[in-house]
């Protein structure tokens, strides 16, 4: 969404900081701040820089992950999606990283999950390389599923992937663990 920036003097900002902040946060207005006739900074809604995900939900999910002994690295993508990265290893010792991307509107929109060392030709993946996780991509429930449950399904996917590499057969869906 393009922003229409208004000019705002530093004096006006000092005089009415609460009102200006409410206009930015609640109404989505954006301002370029001027001091002594020079443009110095800008005020923009937080949604311009961060994904449209509830900060409370993110905090709860991080607490849940840490409570289970997980130590994800987090960052934001260029598309402003929240990325959780988890180091992992395959049974043969190959190191890999599981990435859980939370899209705008999460948890109402399900996450996408990638594993960085999975070769081309592996089954049960989307065209962009995301893992096709039963129970997440086809049956995502925002009231039930979390980053942690998604991570568990990704690890089960990797276990199935290793079985497929060994014998050429992907385990049946009913072999997936209950959540």
Foldseek 3Di string as FASTA:
>chain_A
DDADEDEDEPVNCVVCVPVVVCCQAPVQHKYFYDYPNDGDGMRGHCVVQAAQDDPVQVVVQVVVCVVVVFDWDWDADPLRWIKTWGWDAAPVGDIWIKIWTHHHPPPVDFTWIAIPPDDPPQPQADPVRTHNFPCGNVNNDRVPDGVVNVVLSVVVVSVQSVVCVVPVDRDDPVPDDDD
